């Protein structure tokens, strides 16, 4: 949001108000765009009330189906959320997997001792 708010006072008002009708995901996707693309998208949002992504397509709220294969799933997450958000998810997932493994290991040790 800070990236978006720095664009201009009018944009800050629009993006942070309900007038823009941006979902959190749309705001994050907008923030992940390169600076020039973000400026174009925000300009279009100010002029038309519609948000466009880097391809010039309208950003819409949609349900997303992701593939079952891990490699395809990961590529879908990166494509959908962008590199920065995908890396944050990677770190959170690694931490959750580590915690789960530690919980299982502790449980096995307790069973072996008992």
PDB file of N, CA and C in Angstrom:
ATOM      1  N   UNK A   1       0.818  -1.197   0.000  1.00  0.00           N
ATOM      2  CA  UNK A   1       0.000   0.000   0.000  1.00  0.00           C
ATOM      3  C   UNK A   1       0.855   1.252   0.000  1.00  0.00           C
ATOM      4  N   UNK A   2       2.012   1.215   0.682  1.00  0.00           N
ATOM      5  CA  UNK A   2       2.868   2.393   0.721  1.00  0.00           C
ATOM      6  C   UNK A   2       3.322   2.778  -0.683  1.00  0.00           C
ATOM      7  N   UNK A   3       3.634   1.763  -1.512  1.00  0.00           N
ATOM      8  CA  UNK A   3       4.034   2.058  -2.883  1.00  0.00           C
ATOM      9  C   UNK A   3       2.931   2.780  -3.625  1.00  0.00           C
ATOM     10  N   UNK A   4       1.701   2.331  -3.419  1.00  0.00           N
ATOM     11  CA  UNK A   4       0.578   2.953  -4.098  1.00  0.00           C
ATOM     12  C   UNK A   4       0.332   4.350  -3.568  1.00  0.00           C
ATOM     13  N   UNK A   5       0.463   4.516  -2.282  1.00  0.00           N
ATOM     14  CA  UNK A   5       0.182   5.804  -1.666  1.00  0.00           C
ATOM     15  C   UNK A   5       1.175   6.860  -2.104  1.00  0.00           C
ATOM     16  N   UNK A   6       2.392   6.467  -2.481  1.00  0.00           N
ATOM     17  CA  UNK A   6       3.396   7.440  -2.903  1.00  0.00           C
ATOM     18  C   UNK A   6       3.151   7.954  -4.325  1.00  0.00           C
ATOM     19  N   UNK A   7       2.278   7.327  -5.072  1.00  0.00           N
ATOM     20  CA  UNK A   7       2.058   7.750  -6.455  1.00  0.00           C
ATOM     21  C   UNK A   7       1.557   9.191  -6.527  1.00  0.00           C
ATOM     22  N   UNK A   8       0.560   9.542  -5.755  1.00  0.00           N
ATOM     23  CA  UNK A   8       0.033  10.919  -5.728  1.00  0.00           C
ATOM     24  C   UNK A   8      -1.045  10.995  -4.669  1.00  0.00           C
ATOM     25  N   UNK A   9      -1.312  12.192  -4.210  1.00  0.00           N
ATOM     26  CA  UNK A   9      -2.321  12.373  -3.164  1.00  0.00           C
ATOM     27  C   UNK A   9      -3.687  11.902  -3.646  1.00  0.00           C
ATOM     28  N   UNK A  10      -4.028  12.205  -4.899  1.00  0.00           N
ATOM     29  CA  UNK A  10      -5.334  11.798  -5.433  1.00  0.00           C
ATOM     30  C   UNK A  10      -5.431  10.276  -5.502  1.00  0.00           C
ATOM     31  N   UNK A  11      -4.339   9.653  -5.928  1.00  0.00           N
ATOM     32  CA  UNK A  11      -4.314   8.197  -6.019  1.00  0.00           C
ATOM     33  C   UNK A  11      -4.433   7.585  -4.630  1.00  0.00           C
ATOM     34  N   UNK A  12      -3.720   8.154  -3.676  1.00  0.00           N
ATOM     35  CA  UNK A  12      -3.793   7.652  -2.304  1.00  0.00           C
ATOM     36  C   UNK A  12      -5.230   7.690  -1.813  1.00  0.00           C
ATOM     37  N   UNK A  13      -5.898   8.819  -2.045  1.00  0.00           N
ATOM     38  CA  UNK A  13      -7.285   8.941  -1.616  1.00  0.00           C
ATOM     39  C   UNK A  13      -8.152   7.891  -2.304  1.00  0.00           C
ATOM     40  N   UNK A  14      -7.952   7.738  -3.608  1.00  0.00           N
ATOM     41  CA  UNK A  14      -8.764   6.798  -4.370  1.00  0.00           C
ATOM     42  C   UNK A  14      -8.511   5.354  -3.950  1.00  0.00           C
ATOM     43  N   UNK A  15      -7.242   4.976  -3.857  1.00  0.00           N
ATOM     44  CA  UNK A  15      -6.902   3.591  -3.553  1.00  0.00           C
ATOM     45  C   UNK A  15      -7.302   3.209  -2.133  1.00  0.00           C
ATOM     46  N   UNK A  16      -7.098   4.120  -1.196  1.00  0.00           N
ATOM     47  CA  UNK A  16      -7.406   3.801   0.194  1.00  0.00           C
ATOM     48  C   UNK A  16      -8.887   3.974   0.533  1.00  0.00           C
ATOM     49  N   UNK A  17      -9.640   4.595  -0.358  1.00  0.00           N
ATOM     50  CA  UNK A  17     -11.077   4.763  -0.111  1.00  0.00           C
ATOM     51  C   UNK A  17     -11.836   3.580  -0.684  1.00  0.00           C
ATOM     52  N   UNK A  18     -13.078   3.521  -0.378  1.00  0.00           N
ATOM     53  CA  UNK A  18     -13.920   2.467  -0.945  1.00  0.00           C
ATOM     54  C   UNK A  18     -14.319   2.789  -2.381  1.00  0.00           C
ATOM     55  N   UNK A  19     -14.054   4.018  -2.837  1.00  0.00           N
ATOM     56  CA  UNK A  19     -14.413   4.412  -4.198  1.00  0.00           C
ATOM     57  C   UNK A  19     -13.700   3.555  -5.239  1.00  0.00           C
ATOM     58  N   UNK A  20     -12.477   3.157  -4.947  1.00  0.00           N
ATOM     59  CA  UNK A  20     -11.705   2.370  -5.909  1.00  0.00           C
ATOM     60  C   UNK A  20     -12.219   0.940  -5.994  1.00  0.00           C
ATOM     61  N   UNK A  21     -12.853   0.475  -4.951  1.00  0.00           N
ATOM     62  CA  UNK A  21     -13.372  -0.896  -4.898  1.00  0.00           C
ATOM     63  C   UNK A  21     -12.300  -1.926  -5.240  1.00  0.00           C
ATOM     64  N   UNK A  22     -11.136  -1.755  -4.653  1.00  0.00           N
ATOM     65  CA  UNK A  22     -10.044  -2.699  -4.860  1.00  0.00           C
ATOM     66  C   UNK A  22     -10.068  -3.753  -3.767  1.00  0.00           C
ATOM     67  N   UNK A  23      -9.937  -4.986  -4.177  1.00  0.00           N
ATOM     68  CA  UNK A  23      -9.761  -6.039  -3.183  1.00  0.00           C
ATOM     69  C   UNK A  23      -8.323  -5.976  -2.697  1.00  0.00           C
ATOM     70  N   UNK A  24      -8.064  -6.633  -1.601  1.00  0.00           N
ATOM     71  CA  UNK A  24      -6.698  -6.666  -1.084  1.00  0.00           C
ATOM     72  C   UNK A  24      -5.758  -7.303  -2.106  1.00  0.00           C
ATOM     73  N   UNK A  25      -6.211  -8.375  -2.748  1.00  0.00           N
ATOM     74  CA  UNK A  25      -5.386  -9.055  -3.753  1.00  0.00           C
ATOM     75  C   UNK A  25      -5.100  -8.118  -4.922  1.00  0.00           C
ATOM     76  N   UNK A  26      -6.109  -7.366  -5.366  1.00  0.00           N
ATOM     77  CA  UNK A  26      -5.891  -6.430  -6.461  1.00  0.00           C
ATOM     78  C   UNK A  26      -4.888  -5.357  -6.063  1.00  0.00           C
ATOM     79  N   UNK A  27      -4.998  -4.846  -4.850  1.00  0.00           N
ATOM     80  CA  UNK A  27      -4.056  -3.826  -4.378  1.00  0.00           C
ATOM     81  C   UNK A  27      -2.641  -4.394  -4.312  1.00  0.00           C
ATOM     82  N   UNK A  28      -2.506  -5.639  -3.861  1.00  0.00           N
ATOM     83  CA  UNK A  28      -1.178  -6.262  -3.788  1.00  0.00           C
ATOM     84  C   UNK A  28      -0.624  -6.485  -5.192  1.00  0.00           C
ATOM     85  N   UNK A  29      -1.476  -6.931  -6.118  1.00  0.00           N
ATOM     86  CA  UNK A  29      -1.022  -7.137  -7.491  1.00  0.00           C
ATOM     87  C   UNK A  29      -0.606  -5.817  -8.120  1.00  0.00           C
ATOM     88  N   UNK A  30      -1.355  -4.769  -7.825  1.00  0.00           N
ATOM     89  CA  UNK A  30      -1.006  -3.451  -8.335  1.00  0.00           C
ATOM     90  C   UNK A  30       0.336  -3.000  -7.770  1.00  0.00           C
ATOM     91  N   UNK A  31       0.549  -3.217  -6.493  1.00  0.00           N
ATOM     92  CA  UNK A  31       1.810  -2.824  -5.861  1.00  0.00           C
ATOM     93  C   UNK A  31       2.992  -3.614  -6.416  1.00  0.00           C
ATOM     94  N   UNK A  32       2.758  -4.834  -6.878  1.00  0.00           N
ATOM     95  CA  UNK A  32       3.834  -5.671  -7.412  1.00  0.00           C
ATOM     96  C   UNK A  32       4.243  -5.301  -8.841  1.00  0.00           C
ATOM     97  N   UNK A  33       3.441  -4.473  -9.519  1.00  0.00           N
ATOM     98  CA  UNK A  33       3.775  -4.084 -10.886  1.00  0.00           C
ATOM     99  C   UNK A  33       5.015  -3.188 -10.891  1.00  0.00           C
ATOM    100  N   UNK A  34       5.810  -3.249 -11.953  1.00  0.00           N
ATOM    101  CA  UNK A  34       6.915  -2.302 -12.091  1.00  0.00           C
ATOM    102  C   UNK A  34       6.368  -0.870 -12.074  1.00  0.00           C
ATOM    103  N   UNK A  35       7.196   0.079 -11.666  1.00  0.00           N
ATOM    104  CA  UNK A  35       6.753   1.460 -11.425  1.00  0.00           C
ATOM    105  C   UNK A  35       5.996   2.064 -12.604  1.00  0.00           C
ATOM    106  N   UNK A  36       6.525   1.947 -13.815  1.00  0.00           N
ATOM    107  CA  UNK A  36       5.868   2.574 -14.969  1.00  0.00           C
ATOM    108  C   UNK A  36       4.516   1.921 -15.259  1.00  0.00           C
ATOM    109  N   UNK A  37       4.452   0.595 -15.186  1.00  0.00           N
ATOM    110  CA  UNK A  37       3.191  -0.100 -15.410  1.00  0.00           C
ATOM    111  C   UNK A  37       2.183   0.261 -14.328  1.00  0.00           C
ATOM    112  N   UNK A  38       2.676   0.387 -13.091  1.00  0.00           N
ATOM    113  CA  UNK A  38       1.802   0.755 -11.975  1.00  0.00           C
ATOM    114  C   UNK A  38       1.223   2.154 -12.198  1.00  0.00           C
ATOM    115  N   UNK A  39       2.062   3.088 -12.669  1.00  0.00           N
ATOM    116  CA  UNK A  39       1.571   4.443 -12.925  1.00  0.00           C
ATOM    117  C   UNK A  39       0.489   4.432 -14.005  1.00  0.00           C
ATOM    118  N   UNK A  40       0.719   3.648 -15.074  1.00  0.00           N
ATOM    119  CA  UNK A  40      -0.293   3.554 -16.135  1.00  0.00           C
ATOM    120  C   UNK A  40      -1.591   2.963 -15.595  1.00  0.00           C
ATOM    121  N   UNK A  41      -1.462   1.893 -14.805  1.00  0.00           N
ATOM    122  CA  UNK A  41      -2.654   1.242 -14.255  1.00  0.00           C
ATOM    123  C   UNK A  41      -3.414   2.183 -13.321  1.00  0.00           C
ATOM    124  N   UNK A  42      -2.674   2.918 -12.503  1.00  0.00           N
ATOM    125  CA  UNK A  42      -3.319   3.847 -11.569  1.00  0.00           C
ATOM    126  C   UNK A  42      -3.966   4.992 -12.341  1.00  0.00           C
ATOM    127  N   UNK A  43      -3.290   5.504 -13.359  1.00  0.00           N
ATOM    128  CA  UNK A  43      -3.863   6.571 -14.190  1.00  0.00           C
ATOM    129  C   UNK A  43      -5.178   6.100 -14.809  1.00  0.00           C
ATOM    130  N   UNK A  44      -5.176   4.885 -15.326  1.00  0.00           N
ATOM    131  CA  UNK A  44      -6.390   4.330 -15.918  1.00  0.00           C
ATOM    132  C   UNK A  44      -7.480   4.173 -14.857  1.00  0.00           C
ATOM    133  N   UNK A  45      -7.098   3.747 -13.663  1.00  0.00           N
ATOM    134  CA  UNK A  45      -8.050   3.604 -12.553  1.00  0.00           C
ATOM    135  C   UNK A  45      -8.671   4.952 -12.203  1.00  0.00           C
ATOM    136  N   UNK A  46      -7.856   5.994 -12.150  1.00  0.00           N
ATOM    137  CA  UNK A  46      -8.357   7.335 -11.822  1.00  0.00           C
ATOM    138  C   UNK A  46      -9.313   7.822 -12.910  1.00  0.00           C
ATOM    139  N   UNK A  47      -8.946   7.581 -14.172  1.00  0.00           N
ATOM    140  CA  UNK A  47      -9.750   8.092 -15.287  1.00  0.00           C
ATOM    141  C   UNK A  47     -11.033   7.308 -15.512  1.00  0.00           C
ATOM    142  N   UNK A  48     -10.979   5.994 -15.346  1.00  0.00           N
ATOM    143  CA  UNK A  48     -12.129   5.166 -15.722  1.00  0.00           C
ATOM    144  C   UNK A  48     -12.775   4.426 -14.559  1.00  0.00           C
ATOM    145  N   UNK A  49     -12.066   4.341 -13.445  1.00  0.00           N
ATOM    146  CA  UNK A  49     -12.589   3.567 -12.327  1.00  0.00           C
ATOM    147  C   UNK A  49     -12.339   2.074 -12.477  1.00  0.00           C
ATOM    148  N   UNK A  50     -11.613   1.693 -13.552  1.00  0.00           N
ATOM    149  CA  UNK A  50     -11.315   0.283 -13.798  1.00  0.00           C
ATOM    150  C   UNK A  50      -9.812   0.067 -13.680  1.00  0.00           C
ATOM    151  N   UNK A  51      -9.441  -1.054 -13.104  1.00  0.00           N
ATOM    152  CA  UNK A  51      -8.036  -1.364 -12.895  1.00  0.00           C
ATOM    153  C   UNK A  51      -7.557  -2.331 -13.961  1.00  0.00           C
ATOM    154  N   UNK A  52      -6.441  -1.990 -14.601  1.00  0.00           N
ATOM    155  CA  UNK A  52      -5.845  -2.858 -15.619  1.00  0.00           C
ATOM    156  C   UNK A  52      -4.540  -3.420 -15.100  1.00  0.00           C
ATOM    157  N   UNK A  53      -4.218  -4.654 -15.509  1.00  0.00           N
ATOM    158  CA  UNK A  53      -2.940  -5.241 -15.124  1.00  0.00           C
ATOM    159  C   UNK A  53      -1.882  -4.881 -16.156  1.00  0.00           C
ATOM    160  N   UNK A  54      -0.709  -5.475 -16.039  1.00  0.00           N
ATOM    161  CA  UNK A  54       0.405  -5.122 -16.924  1.00  0.00           C
ATOM    162  C   UNK A  54       0.143  -5.486 -18.380  1.00  0.00           C
ATOM    163  N   UNK A  55      -0.772  -6.411 -18.641  1.00  0.00           N
ATOM    164  CA  UNK A  55      -1.099  -6.799 -20.011  1.00  0.00           C
ATOM    165  C   UNK A  55      -2.214  -5.949 -20.603  1.00  0.00           C
ATOM    166  N   UNK A  56      -2.709  -4.978 -19.838  1.00  0.00           N
ATOM    167  CA  UNK A  56      -3.804  -4.149 -20.313  1.00  0.00           C
ATOM    168  C   UNK A  56      -5.162  -4.807 -20.150  1.00  0.00           C
ATOM    169  N   UNK A  57      -5.197  -5.935 -19.469  1.00  0.00           N
ATOM    170  CA  UNK A  57      -6.461  -6.617 -19.209  1.00  0.00           C
ATOM    171  C   UNK A  57      -7.016  -6.125 -17.881  1.00  0.00           C
ATOM    172  N   UNK A  58      -8.307  -6.149 -17.765  1.00  0.00           N
ATOM    173  CA  UNK A  58      -8.932  -5.685 -16.537  1.00  0.00           C
ATOM    174  C   UNK A  58      -8.659  -6.666 -15.405  1.00  0.00           C
ATOM    175  N   UNK A  59      -8.208  -6.138 -14.255  1.00  0.00           N
ATOM    176  CA  UNK A  59      -8.025  -6.972 -13.068  1.00  0.00           C
ATOM    177  C   UNK A  59      -9.398  -7.193 -12.459  1.00  0.00           C
ATOM    178  N   UNK A  60      -9.766  -8.425 -12.329  1.00  0.00           N
ATOM    179  CA  UNK A  60     -11.072  -8.720 -11.761  1.00  0.00           C
ATOM    180  C   UNK A  60     -10.910  -9.676 -10.594  1.00  0.00           C
ATOM    181  N   UNK A  61     -11.918  -9.674  -9.763  1.00  0.00           N
ATOM    182  CA  UNK A  61     -11.938 -10.639  -8.672  1.00  0.00           C
ATOM    183  C   UNK A  61     -12.392 -11.963  -9.279  1.00  0.00           C
ATOM    184  N   UNK A  62     -11.555 -12.968  -9.138  1.00  0.00           N
ATOM    185  CA  UNK A  62     -11.902 -14.262  -9.704  1.00  0.00           C
ATOM    186  C   UNK A  62     -11.524 -15.370  -8.741  1.00  0.00           C
ATOM    187  N   UNK A  63     -12.143 -16.500  -8.947  1.00  0.00           N
ATOM    188  CA  UNK A  63     -11.711 -17.699  -8.251  1.00  0.00           C
ATOM    189  C   UNK A  63     -10.638 -18.317  -9.123  1.00  0.00           C
ATOM    190  N   UNK A  64      -9.661 -18.896  -8.493  1.00  0.00           N
ATOM    191  CA  UNK A  64      -8.549 -19.457  -9.239  1.00  0.00           C
ATOM    192  C   UNK A  64      -8.456 -20.943  -8.947  1.00  0.00           C
ATOM    193  N   UNK A  65      -8.363 -21.711 -10.003  1.00  0.00           N
ATOM    194  CA  UNK A  65      -8.125 -23.141  -9.869  1.00  0.00           C
ATOM    195  C   UNK A  65      -6.646 -23.376 -10.140  1.00  0.00           C
ATOM    196  N   UNK A  66      -5.993 -24.041  -9.213  1.00  0.00           N
ATOM    197  CA  UNK A  66      -4.582 -24.333  -9.383  1.00  0.00           C
ATOM    198  C   UNK A  66      -4.391 -25.822  -9.636  1.00  0.00           C
ATOM    199  N   UNK A  67      -3.403 -26.168 -10.441  1.00  0.00           N
ATOM    200  CA  UNK A  67      -3.161 -27.576 -10.776  1.00  0.00           C
ATOM    201  C   UNK A  67      -2.750 -28.393  -9.552  1.00  0.00           C
ATOM    202  N   UNK A  68      -2.901 -29.707  -9.674  1.00  0.00           N
ATOM    203  CA  UNK A  68      -2.540 -30.604  -8.572  1.00  0.00           C
ATOM    204  C   UNK A  68      -1.057 -30.920  -8.525  1.00  0.00           C
ATOM    205  N   UNK A  69      -0.405 -30.930  -9.662  1.00  0.00           N
ATOM    206  CA  UNK A  69       1.025 -31.239  -9.695  1.00  0.00           C
ATOM    207  C   UNK A  69       1.791 -30.106  -9.026  1.00  0.00           C
ATOM    208  N   UNK A  70       2.687 -30.452  -8.085  1.00  0.00           N
ATOM    209  CA  UNK A  70       3.398 -29.409  -7.327  1.00  0.00           C
ATOM    210  C   UNK A  70       4.110 -28.369  -8.186  1.00  0.00           C
ATOM    211  N   UNK A  71       4.788 -28.800  -9.233  1.00  0.00           N
ATOM    212  CA  UNK A  71       5.521 -27.840 -10.077  1.00  0.00           C
ATOM    213  C   UNK A  71       4.561 -26.890 -10.780  1.00  0.00           C
ATOM    214  N   UNK A  72       3.463 -27.417 -11.313  1.00  0.00           N
ATOM    215  CA  UNK A  72       2.471 -26.579 -11.987  1.00  0.00           C
ATOM    216  C   UNK A  72       1.757 -25.669 -10.987  1.00  0.00           C
ATOM    217  N   UNK A  73       1.500 -26.199  -9.796  1.00  0.00           N
ATOM    218  CA  UNK A  73       0.872 -25.411  -8.728  1.00  0.00           C
ATOM    219  C   UNK A  73       1.751 -24.209  -8.377  1.00  0.00           C
ATOM    220  N   UNK A  74       3.050 -24.471  -8.193  1.00  0.00           N
ATOM    221  CA  UNK A  74       3.986 -23.400  -7.842  1.00  0.00           C
ATOM    222  C   UNK A  74       4.037 -22.344  -8.940  1.00  0.00           C
ATOM    223  N   UNK A  75       4.087 -22.768 -10.187  1.00  0.00           N
ATOM    224  CA  UNK A  75       4.117 -21.814 -11.300  1.00  0.00           C
ATOM    225  C   UNK A  75       2.838 -20.977 -11.319  1.00  0.00           C
ATOM    226  N   UNK A  76       1.709 -21.594 -11.000  1.00  0.00           N
ATOM    227  CA  UNK A  76       0.442 -20.862 -10.946  1.00  0.00           C
ATOM    228  C   UNK A  76       0.421 -19.819  -9.847  1.00  0.00           C
ATOM    229  N   UNK A  77       0.994 -20.163  -8.697  1.00  0.00           N
ATOM    230  CA  UNK A  77       1.060 -19.208  -7.578  1.00  0.00           C
ATOM    231  C   UNK A  77       1.924 -18.011  -7.961  1.00  0.00           C
ATOM    232  N   UNK A  78       3.068 -18.272  -8.574  1.00  0.00           N
ATOM    233  CA  UNK A  78       3.959 -17.182  -8.993  1.00  0.00           C
ATOM    234  C   UNK A  78       3.258 -16.302 -10.023  1.00  0.00           C
ATOM    235  N   UNK A  79       2.605 -16.915 -10.986  1.00  0.00           N
ATOM    236  CA  UNK A  79       1.908 -16.168 -12.036  1.00  0.00           C
ATOM    237  C   UNK A  79       0.778 -15.324 -11.446  1.00  0.00           C
ATOM    238  N   UNK A  80       0.048 -15.890 -10.502  1.00  0.00           N
ATOM    239  CA  UNK A  80      -1.106 -15.204  -9.920  1.00  0.00           C
ATOM    240  C   UNK A  80      -0.713 -14.081  -8.979  1.00  0.00           C
ATOM    241  N   UNK A  81       0.247 -14.353  -8.087  1.00  0.00           N
ATOM    242  CA  UNK A  81       0.570 -13.400  -7.028  1.00  0.00           C
ATOM    243  C   UNK A  81       1.813 -12.565  -7.272  1.00  0.00           C
ATOM    244  N   UNK A  82       2.640 -12.995  -8.189  1.00  0.00           N
ATOM    245  CA  UNK A  82       3.892 -12.275  -8.425  1.00  0.00           C
ATOM    246  C   UNK A  82       5.005 -12.859  -7.583  1.00  0.00           C
ATOM    247  N   UNK A  83       6.210 -12.526  -7.964  1.00  0.00           N
ATOM    248  CA  UNK A  83       7.397 -13.116  -7.356  1.00  0.00           C
ATOM    249  C   UNK A  83       7.532 -12.785  -5.873  1.00  0.00           C
ATOM    250  N   UNK A  84       7.325 -11.527  -5.512  1.00  0.00           N
ATOM    251  CA  UNK A  84       7.512 -11.118  -4.111  1.00  0.00           C
ATOM    252  C   UNK A  84       6.547 -11.842  -3.180  1.00  0.00           C
ATOM    253  N   UNK A  85       5.286 -11.908  -3.548  1.00  0.00           N
ATOM    254  CA  UNK A  85       4.297 -12.583  -2.706  1.00  0.00           C
ATOM    255  C   UNK A  85       4.537 -14.098  -2.696  1.00  0.00           C
ATOM    256  N   UNK A  86       4.936 -14.651  -3.828  1.00  0.00           N
ATOM    257  CA  UNK A  86       5.213 -16.086  -3.886  1.00  0.00           C
ATOM    258  C   UNK A  86       6.386 -16.445  -2.974  1.00  0.00           C
ATOM    259  N   UNK A  87       7.405 -15.584  -2.926  1.00  0.00           N
ATOM    260  CA  UNK A  87       8.535 -15.841  -2.024  1.00  0.00           C
ATOM    261  C   UNK A  87       8.097 -15.781  -0.565  1.00  0.00           C
ATOM    262  N   UNK A  88       7.206 -14.857  -0.233  1.00  0.00           N
ATOM    263  CA  UNK A  88       6.693 -14.773   1.140  1.00  0.00           C
ATOM    264  C   UNK A  88       5.929 -16.049   1.490  1.00  0.00           C
ATOM    265  N   UNK A  89       5.164 -16.566   0.538  1.00  0.00           N
ATOM    266  CA  UNK A  89       4.431 -17.816   0.758  1.00  0.00           C
ATOM    267  C   UNK A  89       5.415 -18.965   0.910  1.00  0.00           C
ATOM    268  N   UNK A  90       6.477 -18.976   0.103  1.00  0.00           N
ATOM    269  CA  UNK A  90       7.495 -20.022   0.198  1.00  0.00           C
ATOM    270  C   UNK A  90       8.105 -20.052   1.595  1.00  0.00           C
ATOM    271  N   UNK A  91       8.445 -18.884   2.112  1.00  0.00           N
ATOM    272  CA  UNK A  91       9.050 -18.807   3.443  1.00  0.00           C
ATOM    273  C   UNK A  91       8.071 -19.272   4.522  1.00  0.00           C
ATOM    274  N   UNK A  92       6.820 -18.851   4.416  1.00  0.00           N
ATOM    275  CA  UNK A  92       5.812 -19.257   5.399  1.00  0.00           C
ATOM    276  C   UNK A  92       5.557 -20.760   5.324  1.00  0.00           C
ATOM    277  N   UNK A  93       5.515 -21.298   4.115  1.00  0.00           N
ATOM    278  CA  UNK A  93       5.302 -22.734   3.945  1.00  0.00           C
ATOM    279  C   UNK A  93       6.482 -23.530   4.482  1.00  0.00           C
ATOM    280  N   UNK A  94       7.695 -23.075   4.234  1.00  0.00           N
ATOM    281  CA  UNK A  94       8.886 -23.752   4.761  1.00  0.00           C
ATOM    282  C   UNK A  94       8.862 -23.761   6.289  1.00  0.00           C
ATOM    283  N   UNK A  95       8.480 -22.644   6.885  1.00  0.00           N
ATOM    284  CA  UNK A  95       8.405 -22.573   8.351  1.00  0.00           C
ATOM    285  C   UNK A  95       7.327 -23.518   8.887  1.00  0.00           C
ATOM    286  N   UNK A  96       6.187 -23.574   8.215  1.00  0.00           N
ATOM    287  CA  UNK A  96       5.109 -24.464   8.650  1.00  0.00           C
ATOM    288  C   UNK A  96       5.511 -25.931   8.510  1.00  0.00           C
ATOM    289  N   UNK A  97       6.187 -26.263   7.425  1.00  0.00           N
ATOM    290  CA  UNK A  97       6.652 -27.643   7.228  1.00  0.00           C
ATOM    291  C   UNK A  97       7.689 -28.020   8.275  1.00  0.00           C
ATOM    292  N   UNK A  98       8.593 -27.108   8.588  1.00  0.00           N
ATOM    293  CA  UNK A  98       9.605 -27.351   9.614  1.00  0.00           C
ATOM    294  C   UNK A  98       8.943 -27.593  10.970  1.00  0.00           C
ATOM    295  N   UNK A  99       7.968 -26.749  11.316  1.00  0.00           N
ATOM    296  CA  UNK A  99       7.270 -26.889  12.596  1.00  0.00           C
ATOM    297  C   UNK A  99       6.522 -28.217  12.662  1.00  0.00           C
ATOM    298  N   UNK A 100       5.897 -28.608  11.583  1.00  0.00           N
ATOM    299  CA  UNK A 100       5.156 -29.873  11.548  1.00  0.00           C
ATOM    300  C   UNK A 100       6.118 -31.059  11.693  1.00  0.00           C
ATOM    301  N   UNK A 101       7.264 -30.987  11.016  1.00  0.00           N
ATOM    302  CA  UNK A 101       8.242 -32.065  11.125  1.00  0.00           C
ATOM    303  C   UNK A 101       8.766 -32.167  12.550  1.00  0.00           C
ATOM    304  N   UNK A 102       9.042 -31.034  13.167  1.00  0.00           N
ATOM    305  CA  UNK A 102       9.512 -31.039  14.551  1.00  0.00           C
ATOM    306  C   UNK A 102       8.457 -31.613  15.495  1.00  0.00           C
ATOM    307  N   UNK A 103       7.179 -31.292  15.237  1.00  0.00           N
ATOM    308  CA  UNK A 103       6.092 -31.836  16.053  1.00  0.00           C
ATOM    309  C   UNK A 103       6.017 -33.356  15.908  1.00  0.00           C
ATOM    310  N   UNK A 104       6.144 -33.846  14.681  1.00  0.00           N
ATOM    311  CA  UNK A 104       6.103 -35.294  14.450  1.00  0.00           C
ATOM    312  C   UNK A 104       7.297 -35.986  15.086  1.00  0.00           C
ATOM    313  N   UNK A 105       8.467 -35.383  14.966  1.00  0.00           N
ATOM    314  CA  UNK A 105       9.670 -35.970  15.568  1.00  0.00           C
ATOM    315  C   UNK A 105       9.530 -36.036  17.088  1.00  0.00           C
ATOM    316  N   UNK A 106       9.009 -34.980  17.691  1.00  0.00           N
ATOM    317  CA  UNK A 106       8.811 -34.963  19.145  1.00  0.00           C
ATOM    318  C   UNK A 106       7.793 -36.016  19.554  1.00  0.00           C
ATOM    319  N   UNK A 107       6.757 -36.183  18.754  1.00  0.00           N
ATOM    320  CA  UNK A 107       5.736 -37.182  19.047  1.00  0.00           C
ATOM    321  C   UNK A 107       6.338 -38.591  18.986  1.00  0.00           C
ATOM    322  N   UNK A 108       7.187 -38.868  18.000  1.00  0.00           N
ATOM    323  CA  UNK A 108       7.837 -40.170  17.881  1.00  0.00           C
ATOM    324  C   UNK A 108       8.755 -40.432  19.065  1.00  0.00           C
ATOM    325  N   UNK A 109       9.483 -39.413  19.504  1.00  0.00           N
ATOM    326  CA  UNK A 109      10.359 -39.571  20.659  1.00  0.00           C
ATOM    327  C   UNK A 109       9.557 -39.895  21.919  1.00  0.00           C
ATOM    328  N   UNK A 110       8.404 -39.250  22.059  1.00  0.00           N
ATOM    329  CA  UNK A 110       7.558 -39.516  23.232  1.00  0.00           C
ATOM    330  C   UNK A 110       6.999 -40.920  23.205  1.00  0.00           C
ATOM    331  N   UNK A 111       6.667 -41.416  22.049  1.00  0.00           N
ATOM    332  CA  UNK A 111       6.143 -42.784  21.923  1.00  0.00           C
ATOM    333  C   UNK A 111       7.262 -43.792  22.227  1.00  0.00           C
ATOM    334  N   UNK A 112       8.461 -43.530  21.719  1.00  0.00           N
ATOM    335  CA  UNK A 112       9.583 -44.428  21.939  1.00  0.00           C
ATOM    336  C   UNK A 112       9.982 -44.481  23.403  1.00  0.00           C
ATOM    337  N   UNK A 113       9.891 -43.363  24.111  1.00  0.00           N
ATOM    338  CA  UNK A 113      10.252 -43.310  25.523  1.00  0.00           C
ATOM    339  C   UNK A 113       9.176 -43.983  26.351  1.00  0.00           C
ATOM    340  N   UNK A 114       7.925 -43.781  25.992  1.00  0.00           N
ATOM    341  CA  UNK A 114       6.786 -44.265  26.783  1.00  0.00           C
ATOM    342  C   UNK A 114       6.550 -45.678  26.627  1.00  0.00           C
TER     343      UNK A 114
END
